[in-house]
């Protein structure tokens, strides 16, 4: 019962996140019904956001890649000193 009430509360709360009519009218076509407040002031705002998205996606990609396959094959790597059972 508690999970159901929490789910209902979160769904009803999501209604307030949708942009109001005034903000929707002032936003560019791409951001309509998504955000509140003033829209981007120039094309540079889009450039900054997309560069940031590219950096975050690149960081995420390499973090997952090196977490799955670290690639340390050297016998002199520091993990060999720590994991050495001798």
PDB file of N, CA and C in Angstrom:
ATOM      1  N   UNK A   1       0.834  -1.198   0.000  1.00  0.00           N
ATOM      2  CA  UNK A   1       0.000   0.000   0.000  1.00  0.00           C
ATOM      3  C   UNK A   1       0.875   1.257   0.000  1.00  0.00           C
ATOM      4  N   UNK A   2       1.963   1.185   0.754  1.00  0.00           N
ATOM      5  CA  UNK A   2       2.855   2.341   0.855  1.00  0.00           C
ATOM      6  C   UNK A   2       3.516   2.649  -0.490  1.00  0.00           C
ATOM      7  N   UNK A   3       3.893   1.597  -1.223  1.00  0.00           N
ATOM      8  CA  UNK A   3       4.497   1.783  -2.544  1.00  0.00           C
ATOM      9  C   UNK A   3       3.511   2.403  -3.516  1.00  0.00           C
ATOM     10  N   UNK A   4       2.268   2.000  -3.430  1.00  0.00           N
ATOM     11  CA  UNK A   4       1.239   2.553  -4.323  1.00  0.00           C
ATOM     12  C   UNK A   4       1.038   4.031  -4.040  1.00  0.00           C
ATOM     13  N   UNK A   5       0.956   4.394  -2.779  1.00  0.00           N
ATOM     14  CA  UNK A   5       0.782   5.806  -2.425  1.00  0.00           C
ATOM     15  C   UNK A   5       1.978   6.643  -2.861  1.00  0.00           C
ATOM     16  N   UNK A   6       3.175   6.105  -2.706  1.00  0.00           N
ATOM     17  CA  UNK A   6       4.372   6.812  -3.138  1.00  0.00           C
ATOM     18  C   UNK A   6       4.380   6.981  -4.650  1.00  0.00           C
ATOM     19  N   UNK A   7       3.981   5.953  -5.372  1.00  0.00           N
ATOM     20  CA  UNK A   7       3.913   6.043  -6.836  1.00  0.00           C
ATOM     21  C   UNK A   7       2.909   7.085  -7.284  1.00  0.00           C
ATOM     22  N   UNK A   8       1.760   7.112  -6.665  1.00  0.00           N
ATOM     23  CA  UNK A   8       0.738   8.098  -7.005  1.00  0.00           C
ATOM     24  C   UNK A   8       1.240   9.511  -6.708  1.00  0.00           C
ATOM     25  N   UNK A   9       1.893   9.681  -5.563  1.00  0.00           N
ATOM     26  CA  UNK A   9       2.419  11.003  -5.207  1.00  0.00           C
ATOM     27  C   UNK A   9       3.465  11.465  -6.213  1.00  0.00           C
ATOM     28  N   UNK A  10       4.333  10.557  -6.662  1.00  0.00           N
ATOM     29  CA  UNK A  10       5.357  10.938  -7.633  1.00  0.00           C
ATOM     30  C   UNK A  10       4.741  11.265  -8.996  1.00  0.00           C
ATOM     31  N   UNK A  11       3.732  10.508  -9.403  1.00  0.00           N
ATOM     32  CA  UNK A  11       3.080  10.783 -10.683  1.00  0.00           C
ATOM     33  C   UNK A  11       2.322  12.109 -10.656  1.00  0.00           C
ATOM     34  N   UNK A  12       1.655  12.388  -9.562  1.00  0.00           N
ATOM     35  CA  UNK A  12       0.943  13.664  -9.459  1.00  0.00           C
ATOM     36  C   UNK A  12       1.918  14.829  -9.383  1.00  0.00           C
ATOM     37  N   UNK A  13       3.058  14.607  -8.787  1.00  0.00           N
ATOM     38  CA  UNK A  13       4.084  15.639  -8.694  1.00  0.00           C
ATOM     39  C   UNK A  13       4.679  15.944 -10.066  1.00  0.00           C
ATOM     40  N   UNK A  14       4.692  14.976 -10.957  1.00  0.00           N
ATOM     41  CA  UNK A  14       5.261  15.168 -12.288  1.00  0.00           C
ATOM     42  C   UNK A  14       4.462  16.183 -13.100  1.00  0.00           C
ATOM     43  N   UNK A  15       3.206  16.364 -12.779  1.00  0.00           N
ATOM     44  CA  UNK A  15       2.377  17.340 -13.490  1.00  0.00           C
ATOM     45  C   UNK A  15       2.931  18.747 -13.307  1.00  0.00           C
ATOM     46  N   UNK A  16       3.471  19.045 -12.145  1.00  0.00           N
ATOM     47  CA  UNK A  16       3.995  20.377 -11.871  1.00  0.00           C
ATOM     48  C   UNK A  16       5.325  20.634 -12.566  1.00  0.00           C
ATOM     49  N   UNK A  17       5.971  19.601 -13.033  1.00  0.00           N
ATOM     50  CA  UNK A  17       7.250  19.761 -13.710  1.00  0.00           C
ATOM     51  C   UNK A  17       7.067  20.267 -15.134  1.00  0.00           C
ATOM     52  N   UNK A  18       5.949  19.920 -15.767  1.00  0.00           N
ATOM     53  CA  UNK A  18       5.678  20.341 -17.138  1.00  0.00           C
ATOM     54  C   UNK A  18       5.573  21.867 -17.177  1.00  0.00           C
ATOM     55  N   UNK A  19       6.079  22.449 -18.237  1.00  0.00           N
ATOM     56  CA  UNK A  19       6.133  23.912 -18.345  1.00  0.00           C
ATOM     57  C   UNK A  19       4.738  24.538 -18.358  1.00  0.00           C
ATOM     58  N   UNK A  20       4.646  25.712 -17.762  1.00  0.00           N
ATOM     59  CA  UNK A  20       3.388  26.443 -17.760  1.00  0.00           C
ATOM     60  C   UNK A  20       3.165  27.073 -19.146  1.00  0.00           C
ATOM     61  N   UNK A  21       1.954  27.533 -19.452  1.00  0.00           N
ATOM     62  CA  UNK A  21       1.669  28.087 -20.786  1.00  0.00           C
ATOM     63  C   UNK A  21       2.555  29.276 -21.164  1.00  0.00           C
ATOM     64  N   UNK A  22       2.889  30.132 -20.221  1.00  0.00           N
ATOM     65  CA  UNK A  22       3.723  31.289 -20.531  1.00  0.00           C
ATOM     66  C   UNK A  22       5.138  30.838 -20.901  1.00  0.00           C
ATOM     67  N   UNK A  23       5.692  29.938 -20.116  1.00  0.00           N
ATOM     68  CA  UNK A  23       7.035  29.430 -20.413  1.00  0.00           C
ATOM     69  C   UNK A  23       7.030  28.636 -21.716  1.00  0.00           C
ATOM     70  N   UNK A  24       5.966  27.887 -21.952  1.00  0.00           N
ATOM     71  CA  UNK A  24       5.868  27.107 -23.185  1.00  0.00           C
ATOM     72  C   UNK A  24       5.859  28.020 -24.412  1.00  0.00           C
ATOM     73  N   UNK A  25       5.195  29.140 -24.299  1.00  0.00           N
ATOM     74  CA  UNK A  25       5.125  30.088 -25.422  1.00  0.00           C
ATOM     75  C   UNK A  25       6.487  30.743 -25.686  1.00  0.00           C
ATOM     76  N   UNK A  26       7.274  30.959 -24.639  1.00  0.00           N
ATOM     77  CA  UNK A  26       8.546  31.653 -24.782  1.00  0.00           C
ATOM     78  C   UNK A  26       9.708  30.738 -25.166  1.00  0.00           C
ATOM     79  N   UNK A  27       9.532  29.435 -25.044  1.00  0.00           N
ATOM     80  CA  UNK A  27      10.605  28.498 -25.355  1.00  0.00           C
ATOM     81  C   UNK A  27      10.683  28.239 -26.859  1.00  0.00           C
ATOM     82  N   UNK A  28      11.889  27.925 -27.366  1.00  0.00           N
ATOM     83  CA  UNK A  28      12.003  27.523 -28.763  1.00  0.00           C
ATOM     84  C   UNK A  28      11.321  26.172 -28.991  1.00  0.00           C
ATOM     85  N   UNK A  29      11.118  25.807 -30.242  1.00  0.00           N
ATOM     86  CA  UNK A  29      10.379  24.607 -30.599  1.00  0.00           C
ATOM     87  C   UNK A  29      10.958  23.349 -29.948  1.00  0.00           C
ATOM     88  N   UNK A  30      12.272  23.266 -29.855  1.00  0.00           N
ATOM     89  CA  UNK A  30      12.925  22.076 -29.305  1.00  0.00           C
ATOM     90  C   UNK A  30      12.601  21.883 -27.831  1.00  0.00           C
ATOM     91  N   UNK A  31      12.449  22.962 -27.087  1.00  0.00           N
ATOM     92  CA  UNK A  31      12.266  22.879 -25.636  1.00  0.00           C
ATOM     93  C   UNK A  31      10.831  23.108 -25.177  1.00  0.00           C
ATOM     94  N   UNK A  32       9.882  23.217 -26.074  1.00  0.00           N
ATOM     95  CA  UNK A  32       8.491  23.456 -25.668  1.00  0.00           C
ATOM     96  C   UNK A  32       7.991  22.333 -24.775  1.00  0.00           C
ATOM     97  N   UNK A  33       7.259  22.693 -23.741  1.00  0.00           N
ATOM     98  CA  UNK A  33       6.648  21.772 -22.774  1.00  0.00           C
ATOM     99  C   UNK A  33       7.666  20.997 -21.950  1.00  0.00           C
ATOM    100  N   UNK A  34       8.919  21.399 -21.970  1.00  0.00           N
ATOM    101  CA  UNK A  34       9.931  20.673 -21.206  1.00  0.00           C
ATOM    102  C   UNK A  34      10.461  21.506 -20.049  1.00  0.00           C
ATOM    103  N   UNK A  35      10.782  22.776 -20.299  1.00  0.00           N
ATOM    104  CA  UNK A  35      11.458  23.570 -19.271  1.00  0.00           C
ATOM    105  C   UNK A  35      10.689  24.836 -18.926  1.00  0.00           C
ATOM    106  N   UNK A  36      10.957  25.316 -17.729  1.00  0.00           N
ATOM    107  CA  UNK A  36      10.432  26.602 -17.272  1.00  0.00           C
ATOM    108  C   UNK A  36      11.497  27.666 -17.497  1.00  0.00           C
ATOM    109  N   UNK A  37      11.101  28.906 -17.413  1.00  0.00           N
ATOM    110  CA  UNK A  37      12.053  30.005 -17.442  1.00  0.00           C
ATOM    111  C   UNK A  37      12.387  30.472 -18.841  1.00  0.00           C
ATOM    112  N   UNK A  38      13.378  31.349 -18.883  1.00  0.00           N
ATOM    113  CA  UNK A  38      13.803  31.924 -20.159  1.00  0.00           C
ATOM    114  C   UNK A  38      14.504  30.871 -21.004  1.00  0.00           C
ATOM    115  N   UNK A  39      14.309  30.978 -22.283  1.00  0.00           N
ATOM    116  CA  UNK A  39      14.959  30.051 -23.202  1.00  0.00           C
ATOM    117  C   UNK A  39      16.389  30.462 -23.479  1.00  0.00           C
ATOM    118  N   UNK A  40      17.056  29.742 -24.348  1.00  0.00           N
ATOM    119  CA  UNK A  40      18.424  30.086 -24.709  1.00  0.00           C
ATOM    120  C   UNK A  40      18.478  31.491 -25.303  1.00  0.00           C
ATOM    121  N   UNK A  41      19.521  32.234 -24.945  1.00  0.00           N
ATOM    122  CA  UNK A  41      19.618  33.609 -25.408  1.00  0.00           C
ATOM    123  C   UNK A  41      20.320  33.732 -26.752  1.00  0.00           C
ATOM    124  N   UNK A  42      21.135  32.743 -27.104  1.00  0.00           N
ATOM    125  CA  UNK A  42      21.833  32.790 -28.386  1.00  0.00           C
ATOM    126  C   UNK A  42      22.175  31.382 -28.834  1.00  0.00           C
ATOM    127  N   UNK A  43      22.769  31.281 -30.010  1.00  0.00           N
ATOM    128  CA  UNK A  43      23.198  29.973 -30.536  1.00  0.00           C
ATOM    129  C   UNK A  43      24.335  29.393 -29.691  1.00  0.00           C
ATOM    130  N   UNK A  44      25.093  30.250 -29.022  1.00  0.00           N
ATOM    131  CA  UNK A  44      26.205  29.771 -28.193  1.00  0.00           C
ATOM    132  C   UNK A  44      25.711  28.911 -27.041  1.00  0.00           C
ATOM    133  N   UNK A  45      24.503  29.173 -26.556  1.00  0.00           N
ATOM    134  CA  UNK A  45      23.944  28.348 -25.487  1.00  0.00           C
ATOM    135  C   UNK A  45      23.804  26.898 -25.941  1.00  0.00           C
ATOM    136  N   UNK A  46      23.359  26.697 -27.178  1.00  0.00           N
ATOM    137  CA  UNK A  46      23.236  25.343 -27.721  1.00  0.00           C
ATOM    138  C   UNK A  46      24.611  24.701 -27.895  1.00  0.00           C
ATOM    139  N   UNK A  47      25.577  25.479 -28.356  1.00  0.00           N
ATOM    140  CA  UNK A  47      26.934  24.952 -28.537  1.00  0.00           C
ATOM    141  C   UNK A  47      27.504  24.495 -27.199  1.00  0.00           C
ATOM    142  N   UNK A  48      27.344  25.301 -26.169  1.00  0.00           N
ATOM    143  CA  UNK A  48      27.856  24.958 -24.845  1.00  0.00           C
ATOM    144  C   UNK A  48      27.204  23.673 -24.333  1.00  0.00           C
ATOM    145  N   UNK A  49      25.898  23.553 -24.497  1.00  0.00           N
ATOM    146  CA  UNK A  49      25.196  22.359 -24.024  1.00  0.00           C
ATOM    147  C   UNK A  49      25.663  21.126 -24.774  1.00  0.00           C
ATOM    148  N   UNK A  50      25.777  21.200 -26.105  1.00  0.00           N
ATOM    149  CA  UNK A  50      26.173  20.023 -26.886  1.00  0.00           C
ATOM    150  C   UNK A  50      27.628  19.625 -26.643  1.00  0.00           C
ATOM    151  N   UNK A  51      28.508  20.591 -26.416  1.00  0.00           N
ATOM    152  CA  UNK A  51      29.893  20.255 -26.068  1.00  0.00           C
ATOM    153  C   UNK A  51      29.923  19.553 -24.713  1.00  0.00           C
ATOM    154  N   UNK A  52      29.140  20.031 -23.780  1.00  0.00           N
ATOM    155  CA  UNK A  52      29.056  19.405 -22.469  1.00  0.00           C
ATOM    156  C   UNK A  52      28.498  17.987 -22.570  1.00  0.00           C
ATOM    157  N   UNK A  53      27.476  17.797 -23.379  1.00  0.00           N
ATOM    158  CA  UNK A  53      26.904  16.457 -23.586  1.00  0.00           C
ATOM    159  C   UNK A  53      27.958  15.528 -24.174  1.00  0.00           C
ATOM    160  N   UNK A  54      28.735  15.995 -25.143  1.00  0.00           N
ATOM    161  CA  UNK A  54      29.779  15.171 -25.759  1.00  0.00           C
ATOM    162  C   UNK A  54      30.844  14.780 -24.733  1.00  0.00           C
ATOM    163  N   UNK A  55      31.239  15.710 -23.881  1.00  0.00           N
ATOM    164  CA  UNK A  55      32.236  15.412 -22.848  1.00  0.00           C
ATOM    165  C   UNK A  55      31.703  14.376 -21.863  1.00  0.00           C
ATOM    166  N   UNK A  56      30.464  14.539 -21.435  1.00  0.00           N
ATOM    167  CA  UNK A  56      29.867  13.599 -20.480  1.00  0.00           C
ATOM    168  C   UNK A  56      29.735  12.211 -21.100  1.00  0.00           C
ATOM    169  N   UNK A  57      29.260  12.132 -22.347  1.00  0.00           N
ATOM    170  CA  UNK A  57      29.120  10.828 -23.001  1.00  0.00           C
ATOM    171  C   UNK A  57      30.479  10.159 -23.216  1.00  0.00           C
ATOM    172  N   UNK A  58      31.499  10.927 -23.596  1.00  0.00           N
ATOM    173  CA  UNK A  58      32.838  10.376 -23.749  1.00  0.00           C
ATOM    174  C   UNK A  58      33.385   9.857 -22.436  1.00  0.00           C
ATOM    175  N   UNK A  59      33.208  10.624 -21.382  1.00  0.00           N
ATOM    176  CA  UNK A  59      33.660  10.201 -20.059  1.00  0.00           C
ATOM    177  C   UNK A  59      32.948   8.934 -19.616  1.00  0.00           C
ATOM    178  N   UNK A  60      31.652   8.873 -19.844  1.00  0.00           N
ATOM    179  CA  UNK A  60      30.873   7.684 -19.476  1.00  0.00           C
ATOM    180  C   UNK A  60      31.339   6.462 -20.265  1.00  0.00           C
ATOM    181  N   UNK A  61      31.544   6.634 -21.573  1.00  0.00           N
ATOM    182  CA  UNK A  61      31.988   5.538 -22.425  1.00  0.00           C
ATOM    183  C   UNK A  61      33.318   4.967 -21.938  1.00  0.00           C
ATOM    184  N   UNK A  62      34.312   5.831 -21.721  1.00  0.00           N
ATOM    185  CA  UNK A  62      35.620   5.345 -21.302  1.00  0.00           C
ATOM    186  C   UNK A  62      35.600   4.798 -19.874  1.00  0.00           C
ATOM    187  N   UNK A  63      34.765   5.341 -19.011  1.00  0.00           N
ATOM    188  CA  UNK A  63      34.651   4.803 -17.648  1.00  0.00           C
ATOM    189  C   UNK A  63      34.135   3.372 -17.682  1.00  0.00           C
ATOM    190  N   UNK A  64      33.096   3.127 -18.460  1.00  0.00           N
ATOM    191  CA  UNK A  64      32.542   1.779 -18.559  1.00  0.00           C
ATOM    192  C   UNK A  64      33.530   0.856 -19.263  1.00  0.00           C
ATOM    193  N   UNK A  65      34.140   1.333 -20.334  1.00  0.00           N
ATOM    194  CA  UNK A  65      35.097   0.516 -21.085  1.00  0.00           C
ATOM    195  C   UNK A  65      36.240   0.068 -20.199  1.00  0.00           C
ATOM    196  N   UNK A  66      36.840   0.970 -19.453  1.00  0.00           N
ATOM    197  CA  UNK A  66      37.987   0.624 -18.626  1.00  0.00           C
ATOM    198  C   UNK A  66      37.588  -0.087 -17.340  1.00  0.00           C
ATOM    199  N   UNK A  67      36.334   0.012 -16.955  1.00  0.00           N
ATOM    200  CA  UNK A  67      35.854  -0.764 -15.822  1.00  0.00           C
ATOM    201  C   UNK A  67      35.685  -2.225 -16.224  1.00  0.00           C
ATOM    202  N   UNK A  68      35.193  -2.454 -17.436  1.00  0.00           N
ATOM    203  CA  UNK A  68      34.974  -3.816 -17.913  1.00  0.00           C
ATOM    204  C   UNK A  68      36.289  -4.481 -18.316  1.00  0.00           C
ATOM    205  N   UNK A  69      37.112  -3.786 -19.085  1.00  0.00           N
ATOM    206  CA  UNK A  69      38.393  -4.323 -19.546  1.00  0.00           C
ATOM    207  C   UNK A  69      39.506  -3.320 -19.234  1.00  0.00           C
ATOM    208  N   UNK A  70      40.103  -3.421 -18.056  1.00  0.00           N
ATOM    209  CA  UNK A  70      41.130  -2.444 -17.672  1.00  0.00           C
ATOM    210  C   UNK A  70      42.346  -2.445 -18.583  1.00  0.00           C
ATOM    211  N   UNK A  71      42.811  -3.609 -19.025  1.00  0.00           N
ATOM    212  CA  UNK A  71      43.904  -3.677 -19.981  1.00  0.00           C
ATOM    213  C   UNK A  71      45.302  -3.586 -19.403  1.00  0.00           C
ATOM    214  N   UNK A  72      45.459  -3.650 -18.098  1.00  0.00           N
ATOM    215  CA  UNK A  72      46.799  -3.633 -17.527  1.00  0.00           C
ATOM    216  C   UNK A  72      47.409  -5.013 -17.677  1.00  0.00           C
ATOM    217  N   UNK A  73      48.424  -5.141 -18.508  1.00  0.00           N
ATOM    218  CA  UNK A  73      49.053  -6.441 -18.739  1.00  0.00           C
ATOM    219  C   UNK A  73      50.498  -6.489 -18.238  1.00  0.00           C
ATOM    220  N   UNK A  74      51.031  -5.379 -17.840  1.00  0.00           N
ATOM    221  CA  UNK A  74      52.426  -5.318 -17.410  1.00  0.00           C
ATOM    222  C   UNK A  74      52.620  -6.023 -16.064  1.00  0.00           C
ATOM    223  N   UNK A  75      53.728  -6.743 -15.952  1.00  0.00           N
ATOM    224  CA  UNK A  75      54.058  -7.377 -14.676  1.00  0.00           C
ATOM    225  C   UNK A  75      54.508  -6.355 -13.646  1.00  0.00           C
ATOM    226  N   UNK A  76      54.859  -5.152 -14.068  1.00  0.00           N
ATOM    227  CA  UNK A  76      55.323  -4.095 -13.175  1.00  0.00           C
ATOM    228  C   UNK A  76      54.178  -3.167 -12.738  1.00  0.00           C
ATOM    229  N   UNK A  77      52.945  -3.473 -13.151  1.00  0.00           N
ATOM    230  CA  UNK A  77      51.810  -2.624 -12.781  1.00  0.00           C
ATOM    231  C   UNK A  77      51.590  -2.686 -11.274  1.00  0.00           C
ATOM    232  N   UNK A  78      51.123  -1.600 -10.690  1.00  0.00           N
ATOM    233  CA  UNK A  78      50.981  -1.506  -9.235  1.00  0.00           C
ATOM    234  C   UNK A  78      50.020  -2.543  -8.675  1.00  0.00           C
ATOM    235  N   UNK A  79      49.023  -2.947  -9.455  1.00  0.00           N
ATOM    236  CA  UNK A  79      48.086  -3.936  -8.932  1.00  0.00           C
ATOM    237  C   UNK A  79      48.774  -5.276  -8.693  1.00  0.00           C
ATOM    238  N   UNK A  80      49.870  -5.559  -9.409  1.00  0.00           N
ATOM    239  CA  UNK A  80      50.602  -6.803  -9.199  1.00  0.00           C
ATOM    240  C   UNK A  80      51.304  -6.792  -7.836  1.00  0.00           C
ATOM    241  N   UNK A  81      51.737  -5.626  -7.377  1.00  0.00           N
ATOM    242  CA  UNK A  81      52.365  -5.524  -6.060  1.00  0.00           C
ATOM    243  C   UNK A  81      51.330  -5.693  -4.952  1.00  0.00           C
ATOM    244  N   UNK A  82      50.155  -5.165  -5.162  1.00  0.00           N
ATOM    245  CA  UNK A  82      49.107  -5.228  -4.134  1.00  0.00           C
ATOM    246  C   UNK A  82      48.490  -6.618  -4.066  1.00  0.00           C
ATOM    247  N   UNK A  83      48.250  -7.238  -5.229  1.00  0.00           N
ATOM    248  CA  UNK A  83      47.584  -8.530  -5.282  1.00  0.00           C
ATOM    249  C   UNK A  83      48.526  -9.711  -5.155  1.00  0.00           C
ATOM    250  N   UNK A  84      49.778  -9.456  -4.985  1.00  0.00           N
ATOM    251  CA  UNK A  84      50.771 -10.523  -4.889  1.00  0.00           C
ATOM    252  C   UNK A  84      50.576 -11.282  -3.589  1.00  0.00           C
ATOM    253  N   UNK A  85      50.361 -12.599  -3.655  1.00  0.00           N
ATOM    254  CA  UNK A  85      50.100 -13.399  -2.464  1.00  0.00           C
ATOM    255  C   UNK A  85      51.365 -13.983  -1.837  1.00  0.00           C
ATOM    256  N   UNK A  86      52.514 -13.693  -2.366  1.00  0.00           N
ATOM    257  CA  UNK A  86      53.751 -14.278  -1.847  1.00  0.00           C
ATOM    258  C   UNK A  86      54.153 -13.731  -0.516  1.00  0.00           C
TER     259      UNK A  86
END
